[in-house]
Protein backbone atom coordinates (compact mmCIF):
# COMPACT_ATOMS: atom_id res chain seq x y z
CA MET A 1 -26.73 -130.26 -165.49
CA LYS A 2 -29.87 -129.28 -163.62
CA PRO A 3 -30.00 -127.26 -160.40
CA SER A 4 -31.01 -128.58 -157.01
CA SER A 5 -33.67 -126.61 -155.12
CA HIS A 6 -33.32 -125.74 -151.44
CA TYR A 7 -34.92 -123.77 -148.60
CA LEU A 8 -33.26 -122.25 -145.52
CA THR A 9 -34.36 -119.92 -142.73
CA CYS A 10 -32.15 -116.82 -142.88
CA HIS A 11 -32.60 -113.76 -140.67
CA GLY A 12 -36.09 -115.05 -139.81
CA PHE A 13 -37.22 -115.59 -143.43
CA ASN A 14 -37.66 -118.76 -145.42
CA ILE A 15 -35.35 -118.36 -148.41
CA HIS A 16 -35.38 -120.41 -151.60
CA PHE A 17 -32.26 -120.88 -153.70
CA THR A 18 -31.02 -123.11 -156.47
CA ALA A 19 -27.56 -124.64 -156.37
CA TRP A 20 -25.34 -125.73 -159.24
CA GLY A 21 -22.00 -127.54 -159.23
CA ASP A 22 -20.13 -129.45 -156.56
CA ALA A 23 -19.90 -127.96 -153.07
CA SER A 24 -16.12 -128.43 -153.11
CA LEU A 25 -15.68 -125.89 -155.92
CA PRO A 26 -15.15 -122.12 -155.48
CA THR A 27 -18.49 -120.43 -154.84
CA VAL A 28 -20.29 -117.86 -156.96
CA ILE A 29 -23.38 -116.13 -155.58
CA ALA A 30 -25.63 -114.84 -158.38
CA TRP A 31 -28.28 -112.36 -157.25
CA HIS A 32 -31.13 -111.21 -159.46
CA GLY A 33 -32.73 -107.83 -160.15
CA LEU A 34 -35.60 -106.05 -158.40
CA ALA A 35 -38.64 -107.93 -159.72
CA ARG A 36 -36.92 -111.08 -160.92
CA THR A 37 -35.90 -114.45 -159.42
CA GLY A 38 -32.76 -116.51 -159.09
CA ARG A 39 -33.85 -118.65 -162.03
CA ASP A 40 -32.74 -115.81 -164.33
CA PHE A 41 -29.21 -117.21 -163.91
CA ASP A 42 -29.99 -120.77 -165.05
CA ALA A 43 -28.16 -120.43 -168.38
CA LEU A 44 -25.11 -118.74 -166.87
CA ALA A 45 -25.01 -121.07 -163.85
CA GLU A 46 -25.05 -124.12 -166.11
CA GLN A 47 -22.02 -122.75 -167.95
CA LEU A 48 -20.16 -122.02 -164.71
CA SER A 49 -21.09 -125.22 -162.86
CA PRO A 50 -18.20 -127.42 -164.08
CA HIS A 51 -15.79 -125.07 -162.32
CA TYR A 52 -17.87 -123.26 -159.67
CA ARG A 53 -20.53 -123.92 -157.10
CA VAL A 54 -23.23 -121.40 -158.06
CA ILE A 55 -25.88 -120.29 -155.53
CA CYS A 56 -28.87 -118.40 -156.95
CA PRO A 57 -31.22 -117.11 -154.21
CA ASP A 58 -34.70 -115.64 -154.54
CA THR A 59 -34.84 -112.40 -152.55
CA ILE A 60 -37.64 -112.21 -149.99
CA GLY A 61 -40.84 -111.19 -151.74
CA ARG A 62 -39.76 -112.85 -155.00
CA GLY A 63 -40.00 -116.32 -156.49
CA LEU A 64 -40.35 -119.05 -153.88
CA SER A 65 -38.93 -117.11 -150.94
CA GLN A 66 -41.17 -115.84 -148.16
CA TRP A 67 -42.92 -112.49 -148.46
CA SER A 68 -42.50 -109.85 -145.78
CA HIS A 69 -45.31 -108.96 -143.37
CA VAL A 70 -43.63 -105.57 -142.80
CA PRO A 71 -42.57 -104.50 -146.31
CA GLN A 72 -41.63 -100.94 -145.37
CA ASN A 73 -38.94 -102.37 -143.08
CA ASP A 74 -37.87 -105.61 -144.67
CA TYR A 75 -37.57 -104.73 -148.35
CA SER A 76 -34.23 -103.02 -147.88
CA PHE A 77 -30.56 -103.69 -148.49
CA ALA A 78 -29.95 -103.83 -144.73
CA THR A 79 -32.32 -106.80 -144.42
CA TYR A 80 -31.14 -108.46 -147.64
CA ALA A 81 -27.52 -108.24 -146.45
CA ARG A 82 -28.30 -109.94 -143.16
CA ILE A 83 -30.21 -112.65 -145.02
CA THR A 84 -27.17 -113.12 -147.25
CA LEU A 85 -24.80 -113.43 -144.31
CA ASP A 86 -27.00 -116.10 -142.70
CA LEU A 87 -27.23 -117.92 -146.04
CA MET A 88 -23.45 -117.95 -146.48
CA ASP A 89 -22.91 -119.11 -142.91
CA ALA A 90 -25.53 -121.86 -143.21
CA LEU A 91 -23.90 -123.13 -146.41
CA GLN A 92 -20.40 -122.79 -144.88
CA ILE A 93 -19.33 -120.36 -147.59
CA GLU A 94 -16.32 -118.52 -146.24
CA GLN A 95 -15.72 -116.54 -149.44
CA ALA A 96 -17.65 -116.11 -152.68
CA HIS A 97 -17.47 -114.31 -155.97
CA TRP A 98 -20.59 -112.20 -156.55
CA ILE A 99 -22.56 -111.64 -159.75
CA GLY A 100 -25.42 -109.19 -159.33
CA THR A 101 -27.91 -107.86 -161.85
CA SER A 102 -29.35 -104.42 -161.04
CA MET A 103 -30.61 -104.63 -157.43
CA GLY A 104 -28.56 -107.81 -156.94
CA GLY A 105 -25.43 -105.90 -157.89
CA ALA A 106 -26.25 -103.12 -155.45
CA LEU A 107 -26.68 -105.74 -152.74
CA GLY A 108 -23.26 -107.09 -153.68
CA LEU A 109 -21.82 -103.59 -153.20
CA VAL A 110 -23.37 -103.38 -149.73
CA CYS A 111 -22.08 -106.81 -148.72
CA ALA A 112 -18.58 -106.41 -150.16
CA ALA A 113 -18.12 -102.98 -148.57
CA ALA A 114 -19.00 -104.45 -145.14
CA LEU A 115 -19.85 -101.01 -143.76
CA GLU A 116 -23.29 -101.87 -142.39
CA VAL A 117 -22.52 -105.53 -141.64
CA PRO A 118 -18.84 -105.77 -140.63
CA ALA A 119 -19.03 -109.57 -140.54
CA PHE A 120 -18.86 -109.46 -144.35
CA GLN A 121 -15.29 -108.19 -144.23
CA GLY A 122 -13.24 -110.37 -146.58
CA ARG A 123 -16.16 -112.60 -147.53
CA ILE A 124 -16.71 -111.30 -151.11
CA ARG A 125 -13.72 -112.08 -153.37
CA SER A 126 -14.82 -110.27 -156.52
CA LEU A 127 -17.86 -108.40 -157.77
CA ILE A 128 -19.63 -108.28 -161.14
CA LEU A 129 -22.07 -105.37 -161.40
CA ASN A 130 -24.50 -106.13 -164.21
CA ASP A 131 -25.93 -102.78 -165.33
CA ILE A 132 -25.72 -101.25 -161.90
CA ALA A 133 -23.32 -98.69 -160.44
CA PRO A 134 -22.89 -96.53 -157.35
CA GLU A 135 -25.12 -93.89 -158.97
CA ILE A 136 -28.30 -94.49 -160.96
CA SER A 137 -30.73 -92.44 -163.02
CA ALA A 138 -33.73 -91.05 -161.13
CA THR A 139 -35.78 -91.15 -164.34
CA ALA A 140 -35.10 -94.86 -164.80
CA VAL A 141 -35.97 -95.53 -161.16
CA ASP A 142 -39.31 -93.78 -161.66
CA ARG A 143 -39.96 -96.04 -164.66
CA ILE A 144 -39.12 -99.15 -162.64
CA LYS A 145 -41.31 -98.04 -159.72
CA ALA A 146 -44.23 -97.51 -162.10
CA TYR A 147 -44.19 -100.98 -163.65
CA ALA A 148 -42.98 -103.01 -160.66
CA GLY A 149 -45.53 -101.60 -158.24
CA GLN A 150 -48.48 -102.52 -160.42
CA PRO A 151 -47.79 -105.92 -162.00
CA PRO A 152 -50.35 -106.88 -164.65
CA ALA A 153 -52.47 -110.02 -164.58
CA PHE A 154 -53.53 -112.23 -167.48
CA ASP A 155 -55.78 -115.21 -168.04
CA THR A 156 -53.01 -117.39 -169.49
CA VAL A 157 -49.28 -117.92 -169.20
CA PRO A 158 -48.71 -117.28 -172.94
CA GLU A 159 -50.31 -113.85 -172.49
CA LEU A 160 -47.97 -113.16 -169.58
CA GLU A 161 -45.03 -114.34 -171.68
CA ALA A 162 -46.00 -111.85 -174.39
CA PHE A 163 -45.93 -109.12 -171.74
CA PHE A 164 -42.48 -110.25 -170.55
CA ARG A 165 -41.16 -110.23 -174.11
CA GLN A 166 -42.16 -106.59 -174.45
CA ALA A 167 -41.27 -105.39 -170.94
CA TYR A 168 -37.91 -107.15 -170.90
CA ALA A 169 -36.85 -106.51 -174.48
CA PRO A 170 -33.87 -104.49 -173.10
CA PHE A 171 -32.52 -107.77 -171.66
CA GLY A 172 -31.31 -108.52 -175.18
CA PHE A 173 -31.55 -111.57 -177.40
CA HIS A 174 -33.55 -114.56 -176.15
CA THR A 175 -34.50 -117.69 -178.01
CA ASP A 176 -38.17 -118.67 -177.91
CA ALA A 177 -37.25 -121.38 -175.40
CA GLN A 178 -35.49 -118.83 -173.19
CA TRP A 179 -38.52 -116.52 -173.21
CA THR A 180 -40.76 -119.43 -172.23
CA HIS A 181 -38.35 -120.41 -169.47
CA LEU A 182 -38.32 -116.83 -168.18
CA ALA A 183 -42.12 -116.76 -168.15
CA GLU A 184 -42.59 -120.14 -166.51
CA THR A 185 -40.08 -119.34 -163.74
CA SER A 186 -41.60 -115.90 -163.14
CA THR A 187 -45.30 -116.73 -162.84
CA ARG A 188 -47.70 -117.10 -159.92
CA ARG A 189 -51.45 -117.63 -160.01
CA LEU A 190 -53.81 -115.21 -158.27
CA PRO A 191 -56.88 -116.28 -156.25
CA ASP A 192 -59.11 -115.41 -159.21
CA GLY A 193 -57.15 -117.81 -161.44
CA ARG A 194 -55.24 -115.24 -163.45
CA VAL A 195 -51.44 -115.23 -163.65
CA THR A 196 -49.06 -112.43 -162.71
CA PRO A 197 -45.29 -111.93 -162.19
CA HIS A 198 -43.97 -113.90 -159.23
CA TYR A 199 -43.24 -111.16 -156.71
CA ASP A 200 -44.84 -109.06 -153.99
CA PRO A 201 -45.89 -105.66 -155.42
CA ALA A 202 -44.81 -104.11 -152.11
CA ILE A 203 -41.12 -104.63 -153.01
CA THR A 204 -41.18 -101.07 -154.34
CA GLN A 205 -41.37 -99.87 -150.73
CA GLN A 206 -37.58 -99.96 -150.96
CA PHE A 207 -37.72 -96.82 -153.12
CA PHE A 208 -39.66 -94.85 -150.52
CA ARG A 209 -37.37 -95.21 -147.52
CA GLU A 210 -36.90 -92.17 -145.26
CA VAL A 211 -33.14 -92.40 -145.77
CA PRO A 212 -32.47 -93.16 -149.46
CA GLU A 213 -30.19 -96.12 -150.15
CA TYR A 214 -28.61 -94.43 -153.17
CA PRO A 215 -26.07 -93.21 -154.16
CA MET A 216 -23.54 -95.86 -153.06
CA TRP A 217 -20.21 -94.15 -153.67
CA ARG A 218 -19.29 -94.65 -150.02
CA GLU A 219 -19.67 -98.40 -150.46
CA TYR A 220 -17.82 -98.39 -153.78
CA ASP A 221 -14.92 -96.38 -152.36
CA ALA A 222 -14.57 -98.93 -149.55
CA LEU A 223 -13.85 -101.80 -151.98
CA SER A 224 -10.41 -103.25 -152.60
CA ILE A 225 -11.44 -106.30 -154.64
CA PRO A 226 -11.66 -106.90 -158.42
CA VAL A 227 -14.82 -105.36 -159.88
CA MET A 228 -16.29 -105.66 -163.36
CA VAL A 229 -19.14 -103.41 -164.45
CA LEU A 230 -21.23 -104.51 -167.41
CA ARG A 231 -23.30 -101.71 -168.91
CA GLY A 232 -26.02 -102.32 -171.45
CA ALA A 233 -25.17 -100.02 -174.35
CA ASN A 234 -28.75 -98.73 -174.34
CA SER A 235 -29.16 -98.65 -170.56
CA ASP A 236 -31.24 -95.85 -169.11
CA LEU A 237 -30.18 -96.72 -165.55
CA ILE A 238 -26.42 -96.22 -165.78
CA ALA A 239 -24.92 -93.21 -167.53
CA PRO A 240 -21.58 -93.61 -169.36
CA GLN A 241 -20.26 -90.74 -167.22
CA THR A 242 -20.93 -92.80 -164.10
CA VAL A 243 -18.79 -95.64 -165.40
CA GLN A 244 -16.07 -93.10 -166.21
CA ALA A 245 -16.27 -91.78 -162.65
CA MET A 246 -15.85 -95.33 -161.32
CA HIS A 247 -12.39 -95.39 -162.91
CA THR A 248 -11.30 -92.36 -160.86
CA ARG A 249 -12.01 -93.68 -157.37
CA GLY A 250 -12.31 -96.85 -155.27
CA PRO A 251 -11.27 -99.99 -157.17
CA GLY A 252 -10.78 -97.82 -160.27
CA ILE A 253 -7.70 -96.05 -158.97
CA GLN A 254 -6.39 -99.35 -157.59
CA GLY A 255 -6.38 -100.90 -161.05
CA LEU A 256 -9.08 -103.36 -159.99
CA LEU A 257 -11.94 -102.17 -162.22
CA ARG A 258 -12.87 -103.62 -165.60
CA ALA A 259 -15.71 -102.04 -167.59
CA GLU A 260 -17.48 -103.60 -170.57
CA GLU A 261 -20.35 -102.27 -172.68
CA ILE A 262 -22.84 -104.87 -173.95
CA GLU A 263 -24.22 -104.08 -177.38
CA GLY A 264 -27.84 -104.86 -178.15
CA CYS A 265 -28.94 -104.56 -174.52
CA GLY A 266 -30.42 -101.95 -172.25
CA HIS A 267 -31.25 -102.58 -168.61
CA ALA A 268 -30.06 -105.22 -168.06
CA PRO A 269 -28.07 -107.79 -170.07
CA ALA A 270 -29.53 -111.24 -169.42
CA LEU A 271 -26.14 -113.02 -169.28
CA ASN A 272 -27.69 -115.74 -171.43
CA VAL A 273 -25.48 -115.79 -174.54
CA PRO A 274 -21.91 -117.05 -175.17
CA ALA A 275 -20.31 -113.62 -175.57
CA GLN A 276 -21.57 -112.57 -172.13
CA TRP A 277 -20.62 -115.92 -170.58
CA ARG A 278 -17.06 -115.42 -171.81
CA LEU A 279 -16.81 -112.02 -170.15
CA VAL A 280 -17.98 -113.49 -166.85
CA THR A 281 -15.75 -116.56 -166.96
CA GLU A 282 -12.67 -114.56 -167.97
CA PHE A 283 -13.20 -112.17 -165.07
CA LEU A 284 -13.80 -114.97 -162.55
CA ASN A 285 -10.78 -116.90 -163.73
CA THR A 286 -8.51 -113.88 -163.22
CA SER A 287 -10.06 -113.10 -159.80
CA ARG A 288 -9.38 -116.42 -158.10
């Protein structure tokens, strides 16, 4: 199965998303990481599509979605959440399961908690946090800010693919075809003809907000839905102690938290291999 490609205006922004599966099926929203696009979920969405409708948006400033003219305001979870609400309403999605990698998982926390946008109350049925947690490493954030804010440019797509293979080695195993797919769905051409990753470098403005968006323990403690946290065994973003703390509060003390460590990955598992698909499908099937 191949995805269909769509555009909608949400909270004043033109948003691109791909859709998999029949609209009559239960919905999964899969949201990508900071400098990535919704196409990162192609392999997983194809696996889920016989049983779920899977919606994979590009966040503003990434992929084929519109860039912000006011990045210091718009590249924030508050804006992303309002975009998400409009997207769900436009697609008549009353409830959805949420799979979020890194930033996409944090956005899922914000939406599911419904503290800033009360209209989300009851709209998120379950939450998969892919190498993200209510507390993250400041050192890892500094690393991400350094590379994301200054994306490199190359003369050819194969050169950019070689960069991706090195930069995203922590994603774990990829076939050659998967690396090429990642590169070709993550590339834009600059005015001088060179190619660069397909996002607005100003997305890192999110890290420099006057009121920091992290930690998110308040949001986590507000949850009463099934949650699964996937931690890359070599992750520098999520400490094992943080996952342990998640068991002692919020969904953890309600018996609603499942934690899995993914060997051979750092930040963040790509969800592109059968063992990881099984974890996701098992969790979704028990969260219906």
